Amino acid sequence: MADEDLEAGEQAEEAGAETEEGAEEEGSEEKSGGGKKRLLLIIGLVLLLLLGAAAAAYFTGLLDSSSGEEATTEEGEGAGEPTGPVVFYPLPEMLVNLNTGGRKATILKINISLELQSAEDVVRVEEVMPRIIDNFQVYLRELRIEDLKGSAGMYRLREELLARVNVAVHPTKINAVLFKEMLVQ
């Protein structure tokens, strides 16, 4: 009996040692498994931040180097000396009511000249003059006084009018819309 108890005790010790070793192994596996999970989480967050930064750079135009070069060449062509003789075509004076939302009537008086690439373009502009005037009138009537304030407002107005006149005279290209007079009353 004593031998049996001794053998049972030894077996119990061996089993206990095995369970302790197993527990240590499991603990180290849990630690390494938790470490792996933490590492994957950190890598995932870093990738998410990088993707967010790349998306922000793309949408702000920082990544698009070709459009920056095109913008520079377009500005250089428009701002520098023209390649050929430039023709300025005066539009008739326009007088429109601005959108005031029911308040006192506000009137915009505007005198505009178009910068054409060549004298041949004058014929095309005269052919579609009613369309140009209509496009300008419709756009100008929807403007508010706030839209015209400051140099930024003037720049936006110039760009909108240029886009509208280029659509009307397509395939002819208008280089610029120039304000000779602009009065808001």
N, C-alpha and C. Protein backbone atom coordinates (compact mmCIF):
# COMPACT_ATOMS: atom_id res chain seq x y z
N MET A 1 0.80 -1.17 0.00
CA MET A 1 0.00 0.00 0.00
C MET A 1 0.86 1.25 0.00
N ALA A 2 1.85 1.17 0.76
CA ALA A 2 2.75 2.31 0.80
C ALA A 2 3.39 2.50 -0.56
N ASP A 3 3.70 1.34 -1.22
CA ASP A 3 4.27 1.45 -2.55
C ASP A 3 3.25 2.03 -3.53
N GLU A 4 2.04 1.62 -3.35
CA GLU A 4 1.01 2.15 -4.22
C GLU A 4 0.83 3.65 -4.00
N ASP A 5 0.84 4.06 -2.70
CA ASP A 5 0.69 5.47 -2.39
C ASP A 5 1.88 6.26 -2.95
N LEU A 6 3.06 5.65 -2.83
CA LEU A 6 4.26 6.30 -3.33
C LEU A 6 4.19 6.45 -4.85
N GLU A 7 3.76 5.38 -5.52
CA GLU A 7 3.63 5.44 -6.97
C GLU A 7 2.56 6.44 -7.37
N ALA A 8 1.46 6.47 -6.65
CA ALA A 8 0.37 7.40 -6.94
C ALA A 8 0.86 8.84 -6.73
N GLY A 9 1.67 9.06 -5.70
CA GLY A 9 2.21 10.39 -5.42
C GLY A 9 3.15 10.83 -6.53
N GLU A 10 3.99 9.88 -6.99
CA GLU A 10 4.92 10.21 -8.06
C GLU A 10 4.16 10.54 -9.35
N GLN A 11 3.13 9.74 -9.59
CA GLN A 11 2.33 10.00 -10.78
C GLN A 11 1.63 11.35 -10.67
N ALA A 12 1.16 11.68 -9.49
CA ALA A 12 0.49 12.95 -9.28
C ALA A 12 1.48 14.10 -9.49
N GLU A 13 2.72 13.89 -8.99
CA GLU A 13 3.73 14.93 -9.17
C GLU A 13 4.07 15.11 -10.65
N GLU A 14 4.19 13.98 -11.34
CA GLU A 14 4.48 14.05 -12.77
C GLU A 14 3.34 14.75 -13.51
N ALA A 15 2.11 14.42 -13.14
CA ALA A 15 0.95 15.05 -13.77
C ALA A 15 0.92 16.54 -13.44
N GLY A 16 1.25 16.86 -12.18
CA GLY A 16 1.28 18.26 -11.77
C GLY A 16 2.35 19.02 -12.52
N ALA A 17 3.51 18.36 -12.70
CA ALA A 17 4.59 19.01 -13.43
C ALA A 17 4.20 19.22 -14.88
N GLU A 18 3.52 18.20 -15.44
CA GLU A 18 3.08 18.34 -16.83
C GLU A 18 2.06 19.47 -16.96
N THR A 19 1.14 19.57 -15.98
CA THR A 19 0.13 20.63 -16.06
C THR A 19 0.78 21.99 -15.86
N GLU A 20 1.80 22.09 -15.01
CA GLU A 20 2.49 23.35 -14.83
C GLU A 20 3.21 23.74 -16.12
N GLU A 21 3.90 22.75 -16.73
CA GLU A 21 4.57 23.02 -17.99
C GLU A 21 3.55 23.41 -19.06
N GLY A 22 2.42 22.69 -19.06
CA GLY A 22 1.36 23.00 -20.03
C GLY A 22 0.79 24.39 -19.78
N ALA A 23 0.64 24.74 -18.50
CA ALA A 23 0.11 26.06 -18.16
C ALA A 23 1.11 27.14 -18.58
N GLU A 24 2.39 26.87 -18.38
CA GLU A 24 3.40 27.83 -18.78
C GLU A 24 3.40 28.01 -20.31
N GLU A 25 3.29 26.86 -20.99
CA GLU A 25 3.26 26.92 -22.45
C GLU A 25 2.01 27.67 -22.92
N GLU A 26 0.86 27.38 -22.27
CA GLU A 26 -0.37 28.06 -22.65
C GLU A 26 -0.26 29.54 -22.36
N GLY A 27 0.32 29.89 -21.23
CA GLY A 27 0.50 31.30 -20.86
C GLY A 27 1.38 32.01 -21.86
N SER A 28 2.46 31.34 -22.28
CA SER A 28 3.34 31.98 -23.25
C SER A 28 2.65 32.08 -24.61
N GLU A 29 1.83 31.08 -24.93
CA GLU A 29 1.07 31.14 -26.17
C GLU A 29 0.07 32.28 -26.12
N GLU A 30 -0.59 32.45 -24.95
CA GLU A 30 -1.55 33.53 -24.81
C GLU A 30 -0.83 34.87 -24.93
N LYS A 31 0.34 34.97 -24.31
CA LYS A 31 1.09 36.21 -24.37
C LYS A 31 1.53 36.49 -25.81
N SER A 32 2.04 35.48 -26.49
CA SER A 32 2.47 35.69 -27.86
C SER A 32 1.27 35.90 -28.78
N GLY A 33 0.15 35.22 -28.51
CA GLY A 33 -1.07 35.41 -29.29
C GLY A 33 -1.61 36.81 -29.08
N GLY A 34 -1.59 37.30 -27.84
CA GLY A 34 -2.02 38.65 -27.54
C GLY A 34 -1.08 39.66 -28.16
N GLY A 35 0.20 39.35 -28.17
CA GLY A 35 1.19 40.23 -28.79
C GLY A 35 0.99 40.29 -30.29
N LYS A 36 0.67 39.14 -30.87
CA LYS A 36 0.42 39.11 -32.31
C LYS A 36 -0.82 39.93 -32.66
N LYS A 37 -1.85 39.79 -31.82
CA LYS A 37 -3.07 40.56 -32.06
C LYS A 37 -2.79 42.06 -31.94
N ARG A 38 -2.02 42.43 -30.93
CA ARG A 38 -1.68 43.84 -30.73
C ARG A 38 -0.87 44.37 -31.91
N LEU A 39 0.09 43.56 -32.37
CA LEU A 39 0.93 43.95 -33.49
C LEU A 39 0.08 44.14 -34.76
N LEU A 40 -0.84 43.21 -35.01
CA LEU A 40 -1.72 43.32 -36.17
C LEU A 40 -2.61 44.55 -36.06
N LEU A 41 -3.08 44.85 -34.84
CA LEU A 41 -3.91 46.02 -34.64
C LEU A 41 -3.13 47.30 -34.93
N ILE A 42 -1.90 47.37 -34.46
CA ILE A 42 -1.07 48.56 -34.69
C ILE A 42 -0.77 48.71 -36.18
N ILE A 43 -0.43 47.62 -36.85
CA ILE A 43 -0.15 47.68 -38.29
C ILE A 43 -1.40 48.12 -39.05
N GLY A 44 -2.55 47.61 -38.66
CA GLY A 44 -3.80 47.99 -39.30
C GLY A 44 -4.09 49.48 -39.12
N LEU A 45 -3.87 50.01 -37.92
CA LEU A 45 -4.08 51.43 -37.68
C LEU A 45 -3.13 52.29 -38.50
N VAL A 46 -1.86 51.87 -38.58
CA VAL A 46 -0.89 52.63 -39.36
C VAL A 46 -1.29 52.63 -40.84
N LEU A 47 -1.72 51.49 -41.37
CA LEU A 47 -2.16 51.42 -42.76
C LEU A 47 -3.39 52.30 -42.99
N LEU A 48 -4.31 52.29 -42.03
CA LEU A 48 -5.50 53.11 -42.14
C LEU A 48 -5.13 54.60 -42.16
N LEU A 49 -4.20 55.01 -41.31
CA LEU A 49 -3.74 56.40 -41.31
C LEU A 49 -3.07 56.76 -42.63
N LEU A 50 -2.24 55.87 -43.16
CA LEU A 50 -1.57 56.12 -44.43
C LEU A 50 -2.58 56.25 -45.57
N LEU A 51 -3.59 55.38 -45.58
CA LEU A 51 -4.62 55.47 -46.61
C LEU A 51 -5.40 56.78 -46.49
N GLY A 52 -5.70 57.18 -45.25
CA GLY A 52 -6.40 58.45 -45.04
C GLY A 52 -5.57 59.63 -45.52
N ALA A 53 -4.28 59.61 -45.22
CA ALA A 53 -3.40 60.69 -45.66
C ALA A 53 -3.30 60.72 -47.19
N ALA A 54 -3.20 59.55 -47.80
CA ALA A 54 -3.13 59.48 -49.26
C ALA A 54 -4.43 60.00 -49.89
N ALA A 55 -5.56 59.64 -49.31
CA ALA A 55 -6.84 60.11 -49.83
C ALA A 55 -6.95 61.63 -49.70
N ALA A 56 -6.52 62.14 -48.56
CA ALA A 56 -6.56 63.60 -48.36
C ALA A 56 -5.64 64.30 -49.36
N ALA A 57 -4.47 63.76 -49.59
CA ALA A 57 -3.54 64.36 -50.55
C ALA A 57 -4.11 64.30 -51.96
N TYR A 58 -4.77 63.21 -52.29
CA TYR A 58 -5.37 63.07 -53.62
C TYR A 58 -6.47 64.09 -53.84
N PHE A 59 -7.38 64.22 -52.84
CA PHE A 59 -8.51 65.11 -53.00
C PHE A 59 -8.12 66.58 -52.92
N THR A 60 -7.01 66.89 -52.28
CA THR A 60 -6.56 68.28 -52.26
C THR A 60 -5.68 68.60 -53.46
N GLY A 61 -5.34 67.59 -54.26
CA GLY A 61 -4.58 67.82 -55.48
C GLY A 61 -3.08 67.77 -55.31
N LEU A 62 -2.60 67.35 -54.14
CA LEU A 62 -1.16 67.29 -53.91
C LEU A 62 -0.49 66.18 -54.70
N LEU A 63 -1.21 65.09 -54.95
CA LEU A 63 -0.63 63.95 -55.65
C LEU A 63 -0.67 64.10 -57.16
N ASP A 64 -1.51 64.98 -57.66
CA ASP A 64 -1.71 65.11 -59.09
C ASP A 64 -0.71 66.11 -59.66
N SER A 65 0.50 65.65 -59.92
CA SER A 65 1.55 66.56 -60.39
C SER A 65 1.30 67.00 -61.83
N SER A 66 0.64 66.19 -62.63
CA SER A 66 0.40 66.56 -64.02
C SER A 66 -0.58 67.72 -64.12
N SER A 67 -1.61 67.77 -63.25
CA SER A 67 -2.56 68.87 -63.32
C SER A 67 -1.90 70.17 -62.88
N GLY A 68 -0.95 70.10 -61.96
CA GLY A 68 -0.23 71.29 -61.55
C GLY A 68 0.59 71.85 -62.70
N GLU A 69 1.21 70.97 -63.49
CA GLU A 69 1.98 71.42 -64.64
C GLU A 69 1.07 72.02 -65.69
N GLU A 70 -0.11 71.40 -65.90
CA GLU A 70 -1.05 71.93 -66.87
C GLU A 70 -1.55 73.28 -66.42
N ALA A 71 -1.85 73.43 -65.14
CA ALA A 71 -2.33 74.71 -64.64
C ALA A 71 -1.27 75.78 -64.84
N THR A 72 -0.02 75.44 -64.62
CA THR A 72 1.06 76.39 -64.80
C THR A 72 1.17 76.81 -66.26
N THR A 73 1.09 75.85 -67.17
CA THR A 73 1.20 76.20 -68.59
C THR A 73 -0.02 76.99 -69.04
N GLU A 74 -1.20 76.66 -68.53
CA GLU A 74 -2.38 77.42 -68.91
C GLU A 74 -2.26 78.85 -68.41
N GLU A 75 -1.81 79.03 -67.17
CA GLU A 75 -1.65 80.37 -66.64
C GLU A 75 -0.58 81.12 -67.42
N GLY A 76 0.48 80.41 -67.77
CA GLY A 76 1.56 81.03 -68.52
C GLY A 76 1.09 81.49 -69.89
N GLU A 77 0.25 80.71 -70.53
CA GLU A 77 -0.25 81.08 -71.84
C GLU A 77 -1.21 82.26 -71.72
N GLY A 78 -2.08 82.25 -70.73
CA GLY A 78 -3.06 83.31 -70.59
C GLY A 78 -2.45 84.60 -70.07
N ALA A 79 -1.44 84.50 -69.19
CA ALA A 79 -0.89 85.69 -68.55
C ALA A 79 0.24 86.32 -69.37
N GLY A 80 0.95 85.53 -70.15
CA GLY A 80 2.10 86.02 -70.89
C GLY A 80 1.69 86.63 -72.21
N GLU A 81 2.67 86.86 -73.05
CA GLU A 81 2.42 87.40 -74.38
C GLU A 81 1.69 86.37 -75.24
N PRO A 82 0.62 86.74 -75.90
CA PRO A 82 -0.09 85.81 -76.77
C PRO A 82 0.75 85.49 -78.01
N THR A 83 0.45 84.34 -78.59
CA THR A 83 1.22 83.89 -79.75
C THR A 83 0.88 84.67 -81.01
N GLY A 84 -0.33 85.14 -81.12
CA GLY A 84 -0.74 85.88 -82.32
C GLY A 84 -1.42 87.18 -81.92
N PRO A 85 -1.98 87.89 -82.91
CA PRO A 85 -2.67 89.13 -82.58
C PRO A 85 -3.96 88.83 -81.82
N VAL A 86 -4.12 89.50 -80.70
CA VAL A 86 -5.30 89.30 -79.87
C VAL A 86 -6.37 90.29 -80.29
N VAL A 87 -7.61 89.82 -80.27
CA VAL A 87 -8.73 90.66 -80.65
C VAL A 87 -9.65 90.78 -79.44
N PHE A 88 -10.06 91.99 -79.13
CA PHE A 88 -11.01 92.23 -78.05
C PHE A 88 -12.36 92.56 -78.66
N TYR A 89 -13.38 91.83 -78.22
CA TYR A 89 -14.71 92.03 -78.75
C TYR A 89 -15.61 92.55 -77.63
N PRO A 90 -16.12 93.77 -77.76
CA PRO A 90 -16.97 94.33 -76.69
C PRO A 90 -18.39 93.78 -76.79
N LEU A 91 -18.92 93.38 -75.66
CA LEU A 91 -20.32 92.95 -75.59
C LEU A 91 -21.17 94.17 -75.25
N PRO A 92 -22.44 94.13 -75.60
CA PRO A 92 -23.30 95.25 -75.22
C PRO A 92 -23.43 95.33 -73.69
N GLU A 93 -23.67 96.52 -73.21
CA GLU A 93 -23.84 96.72 -71.76
C GLU A 93 -25.06 95.93 -71.28
N MET A 94 -24.90 95.29 -70.12
CA MET A 94 -26.00 94.50 -69.57
C MET A 94 -26.44 95.12 -68.25
N LEU A 95 -27.74 95.12 -68.04
CA LEU A 95 -28.35 95.65 -66.84
C LEU A 95 -29.31 94.59 -66.32
N VAL A 96 -29.02 94.03 -65.13
CA VAL A 96 -29.84 92.94 -64.59
C VAL A 96 -30.17 93.20 -63.12
N ASN A 97 -31.31 92.66 -62.70
CA ASN A 97 -31.67 92.66 -61.28
C ASN A 97 -30.97 91.48 -60.63
N LEU A 98 -30.38 91.70 -59.46
CA LEU A 98 -29.75 90.62 -58.71
C LEU A 98 -30.79 89.94 -57.83
N ASN A 99 -30.51 88.72 -57.43
CA ASN A 99 -31.38 87.96 -56.55
C ASN A 99 -31.20 88.48 -55.13
N THR A 100 -32.23 89.20 -54.64
CA THR A 100 -32.12 89.78 -53.30
C THR A 100 -33.03 89.09 -52.30
N GLY A 101 -33.77 88.12 -52.73
CA GLY A 101 -34.64 87.38 -51.82
C GLY A 101 -35.81 88.20 -51.31
N GLY A 102 -36.35 89.09 -52.14
CA GLY A 102 -37.53 89.84 -51.75
C GLY A 102 -37.21 91.21 -51.16
N ARG A 103 -35.96 91.51 -50.92
CA ARG A 103 -35.60 92.83 -50.40
C ARG A 103 -35.68 93.86 -51.52
N LYS A 104 -35.21 95.04 -51.21
CA LYS A 104 -35.18 96.12 -52.19
C LYS A 104 -34.43 95.67 -53.45
N ALA A 105 -34.89 96.08 -54.59
CA ALA A 105 -34.28 95.68 -55.87
C ALA A 105 -32.84 96.19 -55.95
N THR A 106 -31.95 95.31 -56.36
CA THR A 106 -30.55 95.67 -56.56
C THR A 106 -30.22 95.39 -58.02
N ILE A 107 -29.57 96.37 -58.64
CA ILE A 107 -29.29 96.28 -60.07
C ILE A 107 -27.80 96.17 -60.29
N LEU A 108 -27.42 95.32 -61.25
CA LEU A 108 -26.03 95.17 -61.65
C LEU A 108 -25.90 95.68 -63.08
N LYS A 109 -25.01 96.64 -63.26
CA LYS A 109 -24.70 97.15 -64.58
C LYS A 109 -23.28 96.67 -64.90
N ILE A 110 -23.13 95.97 -66.02
CA ILE A 110 -21.83 95.38 -66.32
C ILE A 110 -21.49 95.57 -67.80
N ASN A 111 -20.24 95.93 -68.04
CA ASN A 111 -19.69 96.10 -69.38
C ASN A 111 -18.54 95.11 -69.52
N ILE A 112 -18.61 94.25 -70.53
CA ILE A 112 -17.65 93.16 -70.67
C ILE A 112 -17.05 93.17 -72.07
N SER A 113 -15.76 92.81 -72.14
CA SER A 113 -15.10 92.54 -73.42
C SER A 113 -14.59 91.11 -73.40
N LEU A 114 -14.63 90.47 -74.56
CA LEU A 114 -14.11 89.11 -74.69
C LEU A 114 -12.76 89.16 -75.40
N GLU A 115 -11.81 88.42 -74.90
CA GLU A 115 -10.50 88.32 -75.56
C GLU A 115 -10.52 87.10 -76.46
N LEU A 116 -10.45 87.32 -77.77
CA LEU A 116 -10.49 86.25 -78.75
C LEU A 116 -9.08 85.92 -79.21
N GLN A 117 -8.90 84.72 -79.75
CA GLN A 117 -7.57 84.31 -80.20
C GLN A 117 -7.19 84.95 -81.53
N SER A 118 -8.18 85.17 -82.39
CA SER A 118 -7.87 85.74 -83.70
C SER A 118 -9.08 86.50 -84.23
N ALA A 119 -8.86 87.25 -85.29
CA ALA A 119 -9.93 88.04 -85.90
C ALA A 119 -11.00 87.14 -86.53
N GLU A 120 -10.63 85.93 -86.94
CA GLU A 120 -11.61 85.01 -87.54
C GLU A 120 -12.68 84.59 -86.53
N ASP A 121 -12.36 84.65 -85.25
CA ASP A 121 -13.31 84.23 -84.21
C ASP A 121 -14.44 85.23 -84.03
N VAL A 122 -14.28 86.45 -84.50
CA VAL A 122 -15.31 87.49 -84.35
C VAL A 122 -16.60 87.04 -85.04
N VAL A 123 -16.48 86.42 -86.20
CA VAL A 123 -17.65 85.96 -86.96
C VAL A 123 -18.45 84.96 -86.13
N ARG A 124 -17.77 84.01 -85.54
CA ARG A 124 -18.46 82.98 -84.73
C ARG A 124 -19.13 83.62 -83.51
N VAL A 125 -18.47 84.56 -82.87
CA VAL A 125 -19.05 85.22 -81.70
C VAL A 125 -20.30 85.99 -82.10
N GLU A 126 -20.27 86.68 -83.22
CA GLU A 126 -21.44 87.44 -83.68
C GLU A 126 -22.59 86.51 -84.04
N GLU A 127 -22.28 85.33 -84.57
CA GLU A 127 -23.33 84.36 -84.93
C GLU A 127 -24.11 83.90 -83.71
N VAL A 128 -23.42 83.72 -82.60
CA VAL A 128 -24.08 83.17 -81.40
C VAL A 128 -24.27 84.21 -80.30
N MET A 129 -24.22 85.49 -80.67
CA MET A 129 -24.36 86.55 -79.67
C MET A 129 -25.64 86.45 -78.84
N PRO A 130 -26.81 86.16 -79.44
CA PRO A 130 -28.00 86.02 -78.60
C PRO A 130 -27.85 84.92 -77.53
N ARG A 131 -27.20 83.83 -77.88
CA ARG A 131 -26.98 82.75 -76.92
C ARG A 131 -26.04 83.20 -75.80
N ILE A 132 -25.00 83.93 -76.14
CA ILE A 132 -24.05 84.42 -75.13
C ILE A 132 -24.76 85.36 -74.15
N ILE A 133 -25.52 86.31 -74.71
CA ILE A 133 -26.24 87.27 -73.87
C ILE A 133 -27.24 86.55 -72.96
N ASP A 134 -27.95 85.58 -73.51
CA ASP A 134 -28.91 84.81 -72.72
C ASP A 134 -28.22 84.07 -71.57
N ASN A 135 -27.11 83.38 -71.87
CA ASN A 135 -26.38 82.66 -70.82
C ASN A 135 -25.92 83.60 -69.72
N PHE A 136 -25.41 84.76 -70.10
CA PHE A 136 -24.94 85.73 -69.12
C PHE A 136 -26.10 86.27 -68.29
N GLN A 137 -27.21 86.62 -68.95
CA GLN A 137 -28.36 87.18 -68.24
C GLN A 137 -28.92 86.20 -67.21
N VAL A 138 -29.09 84.96 -67.62
CA VAL A 138 -29.64 83.95 -66.71
C VAL A 138 -28.73 83.76 -65.50
N TYR A 139 -27.43 83.69 -65.74
CA TYR A 139 -26.49 83.51 -64.63
C TYR A 139 -26.46 84.74 -63.72
N LEU A 140 -26.38 85.92 -64.31
CA LEU A 140 -26.25 87.14 -63.51
C LEU A 140 -27.49 87.41 -62.67
N ARG A 141 -28.67 87.05 -63.16
CA ARG A 141 -29.90 87.29 -62.39
C ARG A 141 -29.96 86.45 -61.13
N GLU A 142 -29.26 85.34 -61.09
CA GLU A 142 -29.28 84.48 -59.90
C GLU A 142 -28.20 84.84 -58.88
N LEU A 143 -27.35 85.78 -59.21
CA LEU A 143 -26.30 86.19 -58.27
C LEU A 143 -26.89 87.00 -57.12
N ARG A 144 -26.24 86.91 -55.97
CA ARG A 144 -26.58 87.75 -54.82
C ARG A 144 -25.46 88.77 -54.64
N ILE A 145 -25.71 89.78 -53.89
CA ILE A 145 -24.70 90.81 -53.64
C ILE A 145 -23.47 90.19 -52.99
N GLU A 146 -23.69 89.23 -52.10
CA GLU A 146 -22.58 88.56 -51.41
C GLU A 146 -21.66 87.82 -52.37
N ASP A 147 -22.22 87.35 -53.50
CA ASP A 147 -21.43 86.62 -54.49
C ASP A 147 -20.43 87.51 -55.21
N LEU A 148 -20.67 88.81 -55.19
CA LEU A 148 -19.83 89.74 -55.93
C LEU A 148 -18.80 90.46 -55.06
N LYS A 149 -18.82 90.21 -53.77
CA LYS A 149 -17.93 90.93 -52.86
C LYS A 149 -16.51 90.43 -52.95
N GLY A 150 -15.59 91.35 -52.94
CA GLY A 150 -14.17 91.03 -52.87
C GLY A 150 -13.60 90.54 -54.19
N SER A 151 -12.30 90.37 -54.20
CA SER A 151 -11.63 89.91 -55.41
C SER A 151 -11.95 88.45 -55.71
N ALA A 152 -12.21 87.66 -54.67
CA ALA A 152 -12.58 86.26 -54.90
C ALA A 152 -13.92 86.18 -55.62
N GLY A 153 -14.86 87.03 -55.27
CA GLY A 153 -16.15 87.06 -55.94
C GLY A 153 -16.02 87.46 -57.40
N MET A 154 -15.17 88.44 -57.66
CA MET A 154 -14.93 88.87 -59.03
C MET A 154 -14.26 87.76 -59.85
N TYR A 155 -13.33 87.07 -59.23
CA TYR A 155 -12.63 85.97 -59.92
C TYR A 155 -13.62 84.86 -60.27
N ARG A 156 -14.49 84.49 -59.31
CA ARG A 156 -15.48 83.44 -59.58
C ARG A 156 -16.43 83.86 -60.70
N LEU A 157 -16.84 85.14 -60.67
CA LEU A 157 -17.73 85.65 -61.72
C LEU A 157 -17.04 85.57 -63.08
N ARG A 158 -15.80 85.97 -63.14
CA ARG A 158 -15.03 85.93 -64.39
C ARG A 158 -14.93 84.49 -64.91
N GLU A 159 -14.62 83.54 -64.03
CA GLU A 159 -14.48 82.14 -64.43
C GLU A 159 -15.81 81.55 -64.90
N GLU A 160 -16.90 81.88 -64.22
CA GLU A 160 -18.21 81.38 -64.63
C GLU A 160 -18.61 81.92 -65.99
N LEU A 161 -18.40 83.21 -66.19
CA LEU A 161 -18.76 83.81 -67.47
C LEU A 161 -17.89 83.25 -68.60
N LEU A 162 -16.62 83.03 -68.32
CA LEU A 162 -15.72 82.45 -69.32
C LEU A 162 -16.17 81.03 -69.71
N ALA A 163 -16.54 80.25 -68.72
CA ALA A 163 -17.01 78.89 -69.00
C ALA A 163 -18.28 78.92 -69.85
N ARG A 164 -19.19 79.81 -69.52
CA ARG A 164 -20.46 79.89 -70.25
C ARG A 164 -20.26 80.38 -71.69
N VAL A 165 -19.39 81.35 -71.88
CA VAL A 165 -19.18 81.85 -73.24
C VAL A 165 -18.43 80.81 -74.08
N ASN A 166 -17.52 80.06 -73.48
CA ASN A 166 -16.82 79.02 -74.23
C ASN A 166 -17.76 77.90 -74.66
N VAL A 167 -18.75 77.59 -73.83
CA VAL A 167 -19.75 76.59 -74.22
C VAL A 167 -20.58 77.11 -75.39
N ALA A 168 -20.92 78.38 -75.35
CA ALA A 168 -21.77 78.96 -76.39
C ALA A 168 -21.06 79.06 -77.74
N VAL A 169 -19.76 79.35 -77.75
CA VAL A 169 -19.06 79.56 -79.02
C VAL A 169 -18.23 78.36 -79.45
N HIS A 170 -18.39 77.24 -78.78
CA HIS A 170 -17.61 76.04 -79.12
C HIS A 170 -17.70 75.75 -80.60
N PRO A 171 -16.72 75.47 -81.32
CA PRO A 171 -15.33 75.09 -81.09
C PRO A 171 -14.35 76.26 -80.96
N THR A 172 -14.83 77.49 -81.14
CA THR A 172 -13.97 78.65 -80.96
C THR A 172 -13.65 78.78 -79.47
N LYS A 173 -12.45 79.28 -79.17
CA LYS A 173 -12.04 79.41 -77.78
C LYS A 173 -11.87 80.88 -77.43
N ILE A 174 -12.49 81.26 -76.31
CA ILE A 174 -12.35 82.61 -75.77
C ILE A 174 -11.26 82.55 -74.71
N ASN A 175 -10.28 83.44 -74.79
CA ASN A 175 -9.16 83.43 -73.83
C ASN A 175 -9.53 84.00 -72.48
N ALA A 176 -10.30 85.10 -72.47
CA ALA A 176 -10.60 85.75 -71.20
C ALA A 176 -11.87 86.58 -71.30
N VAL A 177 -12.47 86.79 -70.14
CA VAL A 177 -13.58 87.72 -70.01
C VAL A 177 -13.03 88.90 -69.22
N LEU A 178 -13.13 90.09 -69.80
CA LEU A 178 -12.55 91.28 -69.17
C LEU A 178 -13.67 92.24 -68.77
N PHE A 179 -13.63 92.72 -67.54
CA PHE A 179 -14.63 93.67 -67.05
C PHE A 179 -14.16 95.09 -67.36
N LYS A 180 -14.96 95.82 -68.13
CA LYS A 180 -14.66 97.22 -68.38
C LYS A 180 -15.32 98.10 -67.32
N GLU A 181 -16.53 97.69 -66.92
CA GLU A 181 -17.27 98.45 -65.92
C GLU A 181 -18.20 97.49 -65.19
N MET A 182 -18.32 97.70 -63.88
CA MET A 182 -19.23 96.89 -63.08
C MET A 182 -19.76 97.76 -61.95
N LEU A 183 -21.07 97.92 -61.91
CA LEU A 183 -21.67 98.78 -60.93
C LEU A 183 -22.85 98.03 -60.29
N VAL A 184 -22.87 98.00 -58.96
CA VAL A 184 -23.97 97.39 -58.23
C VAL A 184 -24.69 98.51 -57.50
N GLN A 185 -26.00 98.65 -57.73
CA GLN A 185 -26.78 99.70 -57.08
C GLN A 185 -28.02 99.15 -56.46
